[in-house]
Amino acid sequence: MAGSGPGTVRNRLSRAGVAGLTRAEVGEPVGNALNHNLIQELLQTTTLAPFDLAHIDVVA
């Protein structure tokens, strides 16, 4: 589905005033900070519930 990936969600939330979702805000090295901050925001606002995380593939 085009236009619904994590980058799109991150940009939309950042424009809405959520901090820590852009490379400029996090700084280098970014590592996994952008994904971590996005998931934290989605969980804290109950946009994403813990059971939703079961659908994310984990690469070991």
Protein backbone atom coordinates (compact mmCIF):
# COMPACT_ATOMS: atom_id res chain seq x y z
CA MET A 1 0.00 0.00 0.00
CA ALA A 2 1.71 3.16 -1.19
CA GLY A 3 1.96 6.13 1.15
CA SER A 4 1.46 4.22 4.37
CA GLY A 5 4.96 3.10 5.37
CA PRO A 6 6.83 4.06 8.54
CA GLY A 7 8.47 7.05 6.83
CA THR A 8 5.07 8.44 5.86
CA VAL A 9 3.68 7.95 9.37
CA ARG A 10 6.85 9.44 10.90
CA ASN A 11 6.63 12.52 8.68
CA ARG A 12 2.94 13.04 9.39
CA LEU A 13 3.45 12.80 13.16
CA SER A 14 6.51 15.04 13.01
CA ARG A 15 4.52 17.73 11.18
CA ALA A 16 1.88 17.38 13.91
CA GLY A 17 4.49 18.26 16.54
CA VAL A 18 5.77 14.89 17.77
CA ALA A 19 9.49 15.24 18.55
CA GLY A 20 12.29 12.76 17.86
CA LEU A 21 10.99 11.32 14.62
CA THR A 22 13.36 12.90 12.10
CA ARG A 23 17.06 12.42 11.43
CA ALA A 24 17.62 16.14 12.07
CA GLU A 25 16.10 15.89 15.55
CA VAL A 26 17.85 12.66 16.54
CA GLY A 27 21.27 13.43 15.07
CA GLU A 28 23.97 11.01 14.06
CA PRO A 29 24.42 8.17 14.53
CA VAL A 30 20.72 7.52 14.06
CA GLY A 31 20.88 3.76 14.51
CA ASN A 32 17.43 2.49 15.39
CA ALA A 33 16.35 5.67 17.23
CA LEU A 34 13.81 6.75 14.61
CA ASN A 35 12.01 3.40 14.66
CA HIS A 36 12.20 3.24 18.46
CA ASN A 37 10.75 6.74 18.85
CA LEU A 38 8.00 6.02 16.32
CA ILE A 39 6.95 2.78 18.01
CA GLN A 40 7.06 4.45 21.45
CA GLU A 41 4.79 7.27 20.23
CA LEU A 42 2.34 4.86 18.62
CA LEU A 43 2.18 2.74 21.79
CA GLN A 44 1.85 5.73 24.15
CA THR A 45 -0.99 7.22 22.13
CA THR A 46 -2.60 3.78 21.74
CA THR A 47 -2.47 4.21 17.98
CA LEU A 48 -0.65 0.89 18.01
CA ALA A 49 -1.55 -1.73 20.58
CA PRO A 50 0.98 -4.30 21.82
CA PHE A 51 -0.84 -7.13 19.99
CA ASP A 52 -0.23 -5.26 16.71
CA LEU A 53 3.49 -5.84 17.17
CA ALA A 54 2.96 -9.58 16.64
CA HIS A 55 2.51 -8.80 12.94
CA ILE A 56 6.00 -7.31 12.61
CA ASP A 57 8.61 -9.74 11.35
CA VAL A 58 11.65 -9.92 13.61
CA VAL A 59 14.99 -10.48 11.90
CA ALA A 60 17.49 -12.19 14.16
